Amino acid sequence: MSSSLRQPPAPPAFRGHEALRSSLRRALSRGTLPATVLIHGMPGCGKQSLAQWIARTRLCTEEEKPCDSCVSCRQALRLEHPDIHWYFPLPRPKRAHGPGKLAEALESARHDRLGEMRRQPLRPEGDTEVKGIYFAAVMTLRERAHRRPAVSEEQFFIVGDAEYLVPQEASPEAANALLKLLEEPPDASRFILTSGKPGSLLDTIRSRALPIHLPPLPVPDVAAFLREECHAEPEAADRAAALSQGSIGAALGHLDPEGAHSGNRDRSLALLRAATGGKRADAYRTALDYRPGGARGLLDLLEALQLWIRDLGAAAAGRDERIVNSGERRFLRETARRLALTPDRIARGVARVEEARMLALGNVNPQLFVATLLLDLEETLAPPGRP
């Protein structure tokens, strides 16, 4: 077997956001980019890819950066650069008792996940695992940050989905441990945090990072990506891109009609039907379909529910072209008309689900949690004066 056949698949080139990347490239070349930045935007829009691009650009050894061909760039593209350290939420390892054992198990799990990412660069956004960025992992990061870089003048620490730092076993200890590092960062260490929910981070962490907003891509650009990189059929690519709202990560999930995204879409529609059907018994029956533990696994489901409520708002306003879940246009129109929905009630409904997402990050019972949410939504979306 030739060596070329043994190479892992190459990650797709980072797409779009040319003006933002030009600005970042200038800041990196001038040395004016702060040591800590926070990239925020909708899930799956490329935040962690941008973080990797920033690190690769800074550590590139050629004149035109990133060249994607020097040793440093090739190592970065393979997720093997010794001075680019990527941390992200992971399930808590089982049978790992004590801080030292837990730290070792988390580091082993992190390297295993990086191996999966090398083998499969294109991954749908989101999953149903209960996960977090644990205090033990942050302590490993802090220890490494105080060492000298291995081969470069600087080293980068990327903390993906940093909102998972906060509600750690009913304690913000992981976030506070990272805060101490950001307050006095080592000279040769840079930090890039990414978050789809930056408001969930400690205010003190946000205050120490330069915010960089990464907007969604135009839907036609997402469809083109699916056709070119995934060889998707044009009709499937267009449908997945429309459902993604400009998120390549979400679009990858919507390509699979039996995948997690499609499942969340169907389950969240069932939640909306239970909340708007006018029968409280439906809320309790629906809640019993969920396990009594693992509320963090509901985060993507709640994200999908927010989209359904926004679609209800579009239907209520007569803006059918803004409805993302267009296959349920008739249900959305009828529900919006029956409830006489107004923009303020739609906004409150979206806010209720956002509040529920924050609760789901903690140790709550999913059955009670879902039942309470559905009853809250029923009351929020109900027409005024209804008993």
Protein backbone atom coordinates (compact mmCIF):
# COMPACT_ATOMS: atom_id res chain seq x y z
CA MET A 1 0.00 0.00 0.00
CA SER A 2 1.38 3.41 -0.95
CA SER A 3 1.92 6.04 1.72
CA SER A 4 -0.63 8.29 0.01
CA LEU A 5 -3.34 5.71 0.60
CA ARG A 6 -2.58 5.68 4.30
CA GLN A 7 -3.05 9.43 4.67
CA PRO A 8 -6.19 10.53 6.53
CA PRO A 9 -8.73 12.50 4.51
CA ALA A 10 -7.78 16.14 4.12
CA PRO A 11 -10.06 18.61 5.91
CA PRO A 12 -12.02 20.90 3.60
CA ALA A 13 -10.72 24.43 3.11
CA PHE A 14 -12.20 27.06 5.40
CA ARG A 15 -14.87 28.89 3.42
CA GLY A 16 -16.21 32.40 3.39
CA HIS A 17 -15.68 35.32 5.80
CA GLU A 18 -12.91 36.77 3.62
CA ALA A 19 -13.12 40.28 5.09
CA LEU A 20 -12.94 38.95 8.66
CA ARG A 21 -9.99 36.71 7.86
CA SER A 22 -8.13 39.54 6.12
CA SER A 23 -8.56 41.68 9.23
CA LEU A 24 -7.37 38.86 11.48
CA ARG A 25 -4.39 38.16 9.22
CA ARG A 26 -3.30 41.80 9.48
CA ALA A 27 -3.69 41.80 13.25
CA LEU A 28 -1.63 38.61 13.54
CA SER A 29 1.14 39.95 11.32
CA ARG A 30 1.32 43.20 13.33
CA GLY A 31 1.13 41.43 16.67
CA THR A 32 -1.97 43.39 17.69
CA LEU A 33 -4.39 40.50 18.22
CA PRO A 34 -4.94 40.06 21.98
CA ALA A 35 -3.73 36.92 23.71
CA THR A 36 -7.32 35.81 24.37
CA VAL A 37 -10.19 35.94 21.88
CA LEU A 38 -13.74 34.62 22.02
CA ILE A 39 -15.27 33.49 18.73
CA HIS A 40 -19.05 33.32 19.01
CA GLY A 41 -21.82 32.45 16.59
CA MET A 42 -24.56 29.92 15.92
CA PRO A 43 -23.71 26.22 16.38
CA GLY A 44 -21.91 24.66 13.42
CA CYS A 45 -21.04 27.94 11.68
CA GLY A 46 -17.28 27.26 11.70
CA LYS A 47 -16.10 28.80 14.98
CA GLN A 48 -13.61 26.06 15.78
CA SER A 49 -12.46 25.92 12.16
CA LEU A 50 -11.74 29.65 12.38
CA ALA A 51 -9.87 29.09 15.65
CA GLN A 52 -7.72 26.46 13.95
CA TRP A 53 -7.18 28.83 11.00
CA ILE A 54 -5.99 31.62 13.34
CA ALA A 55 -3.50 29.29 15.04
CA ARG A 56 -2.31 27.89 11.72
CA THR A 57 -1.87 31.38 10.27
CA ARG A 58 0.16 32.61 13.24
CA LEU A 59 2.46 29.57 13.29
CA CYS A 60 2.94 29.31 9.50
CA THR A 61 6.61 29.69 8.53
CA GLU A 62 6.08 31.07 5.00
CA GLU A 63 5.55 34.62 3.75
CA GLU A 64 1.95 34.07 2.60
CA LYS A 65 0.07 32.85 5.67
CA PRO A 66 -1.35 30.30 6.00
CA CYS A 67 0.42 28.55 3.14
CA ASP A 68 -1.06 25.13 4.01
CA SER A 69 2.12 23.48 2.69
CA CYS A 70 4.92 24.16 5.20
CA VAL A 71 5.61 21.63 7.94
CA SER A 72 3.76 23.72 10.52
CA CYS A 73 0.64 24.08 8.35
CA ARG A 74 0.59 20.40 7.40
CA GLN A 75 0.85 19.40 11.05
CA ALA A 76 -1.95 21.82 11.96
CA LEU A 77 -4.22 20.52 9.20
CA ARG A 78 -3.67 16.97 10.48
CA LEU A 79 -4.47 18.13 14.05
CA GLU A 80 -0.97 17.03 15.04
CA HIS A 81 0.80 20.32 15.67
CA PRO A 82 2.63 20.11 19.03
CA ASP A 83 1.85 23.76 19.80
CA ILE A 84 -1.88 23.76 18.99
CA HIS A 85 -3.87 22.22 21.83
CA TRP A 86 -7.59 21.72 21.27
CA TYR A 87 -9.94 21.09 24.18
CA PHE A 88 -13.67 20.45 23.88
CA PRO A 89 -16.56 18.96 25.88
CA LEU A 90 -16.34 15.22 26.51
CA PRO A 91 -18.47 12.66 28.34
CA ARG A 92 -17.25 12.06 31.87
CA PRO A 93 -15.11 8.88 31.84
CA LYS A 94 -16.50 6.03 33.89
CA ARG A 95 -14.56 4.47 36.74
CA ALA A 96 -12.08 7.35 36.83
CA HIS A 97 -11.93 8.18 40.54
CA GLY A 98 -9.75 10.96 41.92
CA PRO A 99 -8.44 14.09 40.17
CA GLY A 100 -5.33 12.40 38.77
CA LYS A 101 -7.16 9.41 37.31
CA LEU A 102 -9.87 11.65 35.88
CA ALA A 103 -7.30 13.95 34.25
CA GLU A 104 -5.55 10.97 32.64
CA ALA A 105 -8.83 9.48 31.41
CA LEU A 106 -9.99 12.81 29.97
CA GLU A 107 -6.68 13.35 28.18
CA SER A 108 -6.87 9.86 26.71
CA ALA A 109 -10.47 10.47 25.59
CA ARG A 110 -9.44 13.81 24.05
CA HIS A 111 -6.71 12.16 21.98
CA ASP A 112 -9.13 9.42 20.90
CA ARG A 113 -11.63 12.05 19.76
CA LEU A 114 -8.93 13.93 17.85
CA GLY A 115 -8.14 10.68 16.09
CA GLU A 116 -11.78 10.36 15.08
CA MET A 117 -11.70 13.92 13.76
CA ARG A 118 -8.65 13.13 11.63
CA ARG A 119 -10.38 10.12 10.13
CA GLN A 120 -13.64 12.00 9.58
CA PRO A 121 -13.03 15.74 9.08
CA LEU A 122 -16.65 16.38 8.06
CA ARG A 123 -18.81 15.82 11.12
CA PRO A 124 -22.42 16.83 11.79
CA GLU A 125 -22.85 19.44 14.49
CA GLY A 126 -24.32 18.23 17.77
CA ASP A 127 -24.93 14.92 19.51
CA THR A 128 -26.95 13.56 22.41
CA GLU A 129 -24.07 12.75 24.76
CA VAL A 130 -24.00 14.28 28.22
CA LYS A 131 -20.63 16.04 28.28
CA GLY A 132 -18.64 18.86 29.81
CA ILE A 133 -15.25 20.56 30.09
CA TYR A 134 -14.23 19.32 33.50
CA PHE A 135 -12.05 20.93 36.14
CA ALA A 136 -9.47 18.16 35.71
CA ALA A 137 -9.15 18.97 32.00
CA VAL A 138 -8.69 22.68 32.71
CA MET A 139 -5.96 21.88 35.22
CA THR A 140 -4.17 19.85 32.52
CA LEU A 141 -4.52 22.81 30.15
CA ARG A 142 -3.14 25.22 32.78
CA GLU A 143 -0.11 23.04 33.45
CA ARG A 144 0.66 22.79 29.72
CA ALA A 145 0.17 26.54 29.19
CA HIS A 146 2.96 27.29 31.66
CA ARG A 147 5.44 25.18 29.69
CA ARG A 148 7.43 26.53 26.78
CA PRO A 149 6.13 25.84 23.26
CA ALA A 150 7.51 22.65 21.74
CA VAL A 151 8.73 23.94 18.35
CA SER A 152 7.26 27.42 17.79
CA GLU A 153 7.65 30.79 19.43
CA GLU A 154 4.05 30.63 20.64
CA GLN A 155 1.46 28.00 21.44
CA PHE A 156 -2.33 28.08 21.09
CA PHE A 157 -5.00 26.67 23.37
CA ILE A 158 -8.39 26.32 21.72
CA VAL A 159 -11.33 25.75 24.09
CA GLY A 160 -14.31 24.73 21.97
CA ASP A 161 -17.90 25.16 23.20
CA ALA A 162 -16.62 27.02 26.24
CA GLU A 163 -20.14 27.42 27.65
CA TYR A 164 -19.73 23.86 28.94
CA LEU A 165 -17.25 25.24 31.48
CA VAL A 166 -19.86 26.83 33.72
CA PRO A 167 -22.38 24.35 35.18
CA GLN A 168 -19.94 21.72 36.26
CA GLU A 169 -21.42 19.40 38.84
CA ALA A 170 -23.29 22.38 40.36
CA SER A 171 -20.05 24.37 40.57
CA PRO A 172 -18.30 26.89 38.27
CA GLU A 173 -14.89 25.58 39.38
CA ALA A 174 -13.75 24.73 35.82
CA ALA A 175 -14.59 28.23 34.57
CA ASN A 176 -12.88 29.82 37.58
CA ALA A 177 -9.76 27.73 37.02
CA LEU A 178 -9.59 28.94 33.41
CA LEU A 179 -10.23 32.52 34.54
CA LYS A 180 -7.14 32.47 36.74
CA LEU A 181 -5.09 31.45 33.72
CA LEU A 182 -6.56 34.18 31.51
CA GLU A 183 -5.94 36.82 34.19
CA GLU A 184 -2.19 36.17 34.04
CA PRO A 185 -1.51 34.36 30.74
CA PRO A 186 2.02 33.04 30.18
CA ASP A 187 3.95 35.13 27.64
CA ALA A 188 4.13 32.47 24.91
CA SER A 189 0.56 31.15 25.25
CA ARG A 190 -2.52 32.33 23.34
CA PHE A 191 -6.10 31.32 24.02
CA ILE A 192 -9.05 31.03 21.65
CA LEU A 193 -12.45 30.29 23.17
CA THR A 194 -15.46 29.46 21.02
CA SER A 195 -19.09 29.51 22.07
CA GLY A 196 -22.54 29.29 20.60
CA LYS A 197 -23.91 30.76 23.85
CA PRO A 198 -21.40 33.41 25.00
CA GLY A 199 -23.92 34.75 27.51
CA SER A 200 -23.49 31.51 29.44
CA LEU A 201 -19.85 32.27 30.17
CA LEU A 202 -18.74 34.02 33.32
CA ASP A 203 -18.75 37.79 32.85
CA THR A 204 -15.16 37.85 34.07
CA ILE A 205 -14.09 35.47 31.29
CA ARG A 206 -15.89 37.46 28.60
CA SER A 207 -14.30 40.68 29.85
CA ARG A 208 -10.80 39.26 29.27
CA ALA A 209 -11.39 38.15 25.68
CA LEU A 210 -11.74 40.06 22.43
CA PRO A 211 -15.15 39.05 21.02
CA ILE A 212 -15.22 37.97 17.37
CA HIS A 213 -18.65 37.29 15.90
CA LEU A 214 -18.75 34.68 13.15
CA PRO A 215 -22.02 35.07 11.22
CA PRO A 216 -23.72 32.22 9.34
CA LEU A 217 -22.82 31.62 5.72
CA PRO A 218 -25.30 32.39 2.93
CA VAL A 219 -27.51 29.36 2.37
CA PRO A 220 -26.41 28.98 -1.30
CA ASP A 221 -22.78 28.76 -0.11
CA VAL A 222 -23.71 25.96 2.30
CA ALA A 223 -25.51 24.10 -0.48
CA ALA A 224 -22.45 24.46 -2.71
CA PHE A 225 -20.25 23.06 0.06
CA LEU A 226 -22.49 20.01 0.41
CA ARG A 227 -22.42 19.37 -3.33
CA GLU A 228 -18.67 19.84 -3.71
CA GLU A 229 -17.31 18.34 -0.47
CA CYS A 230 -19.96 15.69 0.30
CA HIS A 231 -21.08 14.94 -3.29
CA ALA A 232 -24.67 15.46 -2.18
CA GLU A 233 -27.46 15.48 -4.74
CA PRO A 234 -28.54 19.05 -5.55
CA GLU A 235 -32.06 18.63 -4.12
CA ALA A 236 -30.76 17.10 -0.86
CA ALA A 237 -28.08 19.78 -0.61
CA ASP A 238 -30.60 22.60 -1.07
CA ARG A 239 -32.95 21.13 1.55
CA ALA A 240 -30.21 20.54 4.13
CA ALA A 241 -28.76 24.02 3.53
CA ALA A 242 -32.16 25.66 4.04
CA LEU A 243 -32.68 23.80 7.32
CA SER A 244 -29.15 24.70 8.46
CA GLN A 245 -29.75 28.49 8.42
CA GLY A 246 -26.18 28.98 7.22
CA SER A 247 -24.45 26.41 9.44
CA ILE A 248 -22.34 23.82 7.62
CA GLY A 249 -22.23 21.67 10.76
CA ALA A 250 -26.02 21.60 10.98
CA ALA A 251 -26.35 21.03 7.23
CA LEU A 252 -24.18 17.93 7.46
CA GLY A 253 -26.59 16.54 10.03
CA HIS A 254 -29.65 17.34 7.92
CA LEU A 255 -28.20 15.41 4.97
CA ASP A 256 -28.92 12.18 6.85
CA PRO A 257 -32.71 11.69 7.07
CA GLU A 258 -32.21 9.19 9.91
CA GLY A 259 -29.48 11.10 11.75
CA ALA A 260 -29.56 12.99 15.03
CA HIS A 261 -30.61 16.29 13.43
CA SER A 262 -33.62 14.75 11.73
CA GLY A 263 -34.51 12.98 14.97
CA ASN A 264 -34.27 16.22 16.94
CA ARG A 265 -36.38 17.98 14.35
CA ASP A 266 -39.16 15.38 14.67
CA ARG A 267 -38.96 15.22 18.48
CA SER A 268 -38.99 18.99 18.85
CA LEU A 269 -42.05 19.18 16.58
CA ALA A 270 -43.76 16.71 18.93
CA LEU A 271 -42.90 19.05 21.83
CA LEU A 272 -44.40 22.00 20.01
CA ARG A 273 -47.57 20.06 19.19
CA ALA A 274 -47.92 19.08 22.85
CA ALA A 275 -47.42 22.68 23.98
CA THR A 276 -49.90 24.17 21.52
CA GLY A 277 -52.53 21.43 21.33
CA GLY A 278 -54.59 22.75 24.26
CA LYS A 279 -54.49 19.50 26.25
CA ARG A 280 -52.31 19.56 29.34
CA ALA A 281 -52.34 15.77 29.54
CA ASP A 282 -50.32 15.76 26.30
CA ALA A 283 -47.51 17.62 28.04
CA TYR A 284 -47.26 15.03 30.81
CA ARG A 285 -47.46 12.10 28.37
CA THR A 286 -44.76 13.62 26.18
CA ALA A 287 -42.50 14.25 29.17
CA LEU A 288 -42.69 10.58 30.19
CA ASP A 289 -41.03 9.63 26.90
CA TYR A 290 -37.75 11.01 28.26
CA ARG A 291 -35.28 9.32 30.55
CA PRO A 292 -35.14 10.47 34.19
CA GLY A 293 -31.49 11.55 33.79
CA GLY A 294 -29.15 13.27 31.32
CA ALA A 295 -30.75 16.66 30.73
CA ARG A 296 -27.64 18.02 28.99
CA GLY A 297 -28.38 15.63 26.15
CA LEU A 298 -31.47 17.76 25.39
CA LEU A 299 -29.54 20.88 24.34
CA ASP A 300 -29.71 20.23 20.61
CA LEU A 301 -33.37 19.25 20.91
CA LEU A 302 -34.14 22.59 22.56
CA GLU A 303 -32.23 24.42 19.83
CA ALA A 304 -34.50 22.72 17.27
CA LEU A 305 -37.57 23.69 19.31
CA GLN A 306 -36.53 27.34 19.22
CA LEU A 307 -36.44 27.15 15.43
CA TRP A 308 -39.98 25.73 15.32
CA ILE A 309 -41.21 28.62 17.47
CA ARG A 310 -39.49 31.12 15.18
CA ASP A 311 -41.22 29.40 12.24
CA LEU A 312 -44.52 29.90 14.07
CA GLY A 313 -43.68 33.59 14.23
CA ALA A 314 -42.98 33.71 10.50
CA ALA A 315 -46.29 31.97 9.81
CA ALA A 316 -48.14 34.38 12.11
CA ALA A 317 -46.63 37.34 10.24
CA GLY A 318 -47.53 35.87 6.86
CA ARG A 319 -43.86 35.53 5.94
CA ASP A 320 -43.93 32.03 4.49
CA GLU A 321 -40.59 32.61 2.78
CA ARG A 322 -38.99 32.85 6.23
CA ILE A 323 -40.27 29.45 7.38
CA VAL A 324 -37.33 27.07 7.57
CA ASN A 325 -39.32 23.87 8.23
CA SER A 326 -41.34 24.43 5.09
CA GLY A 327 -42.72 20.87 5.03
CA GLU A 328 -44.91 21.74 8.03
CA ARG A 329 -46.13 25.07 6.67
CA ARG A 330 -49.80 24.07 6.93
CA PHE A 331 -49.51 23.08 10.62
CA LEU A 332 -47.60 26.26 11.41
CA ARG A 333 -50.18 28.49 9.69
CA GLU A 334 -53.13 26.79 11.39
CA THR A 335 -51.50 26.90 14.83
CA ALA A 336 -50.49 30.54 14.45
CA ARG A 337 -54.04 31.45 13.40
CA ARG A 338 -55.73 29.38 16.13
CA LEU A 339 -53.58 30.92 18.87
CA ALA A 340 -53.71 34.42 17.33
CA LEU A 341 -49.96 34.61 17.86
CA THR A 342 -48.24 37.97 18.18
CA PRO A 343 -44.53 38.84 17.92
CA ASP A 344 -44.19 39.52 21.64
CA ARG A 345 -45.52 36.08 22.60
CA ILE A 346 -43.25 34.41 20.04
CA ALA A 347 -40.28 36.27 21.52
CA ARG A 348 -41.26 35.18 25.03
CA GLY A 349 -41.61 31.60 23.83
CA VAL A 350 -38.09 31.61 22.37
CA ALA A 351 -36.82 33.15 25.62
CA ARG A 352 -38.53 30.42 27.69
CA VAL A 353 -36.71 27.75 25.70
CA GLU A 354 -33.42 29.61 26.10
CA GLU A 355 -33.95 29.70 29.86
CA ALA A 356 -34.65 25.97 29.71
CA ARG A 357 -31.37 25.40 27.88
CA MET A 358 -29.51 27.01 30.74
CA LEU A 359 -31.33 24.78 33.22
CA ALA A 360 -30.58 21.70 31.14
CA LEU A 361 -26.87 22.32 31.63
CA GLY A 362 -27.38 21.55 35.31
CA ASN A 363 -28.42 18.41 37.13
CA VAL A 364 -32.19 18.38 36.49
CA ASN A 365 -34.69 15.60 35.92
CA PRO A 366 -35.54 15.62 32.18
CA GLN A 367 -39.10 14.37 32.72
CA LEU A 368 -39.99 17.14 35.17
CA PHE A 369 -37.96 19.59 33.10
CA VAL A 370 -39.82 18.81 29.84
CA ALA A 371 -43.23 18.83 31.52
CA THR A 372 -42.54 22.22 33.12
CA LEU A 373 -41.24 23.66 29.84
CA LEU A 374 -44.29 22.51 27.87
CA LEU A 375 -46.67 23.96 30.44
CA ASP A 376 -44.72 27.24 30.40
CA LEU A 377 -44.90 27.35 26.61
CA GLU A 378 -48.61 26.56 26.66
CA GLU A 379 -49.20 29.54 28.94
CA THR A 380 -46.82 31.82 26.99
CA LEU A 381 -48.22 31.07 23.54
CA ALA A 382 -51.90 30.88 24.53
CA PRO A 383 -54.17 33.70 23.34
CA PRO A 384 -54.93 36.40 25.93
CA GLY A 385 -57.92 35.70 28.16
CA ARG A 386 -57.89 31.96 27.70
CA PRO A 387 -58.50 30.22 31.03
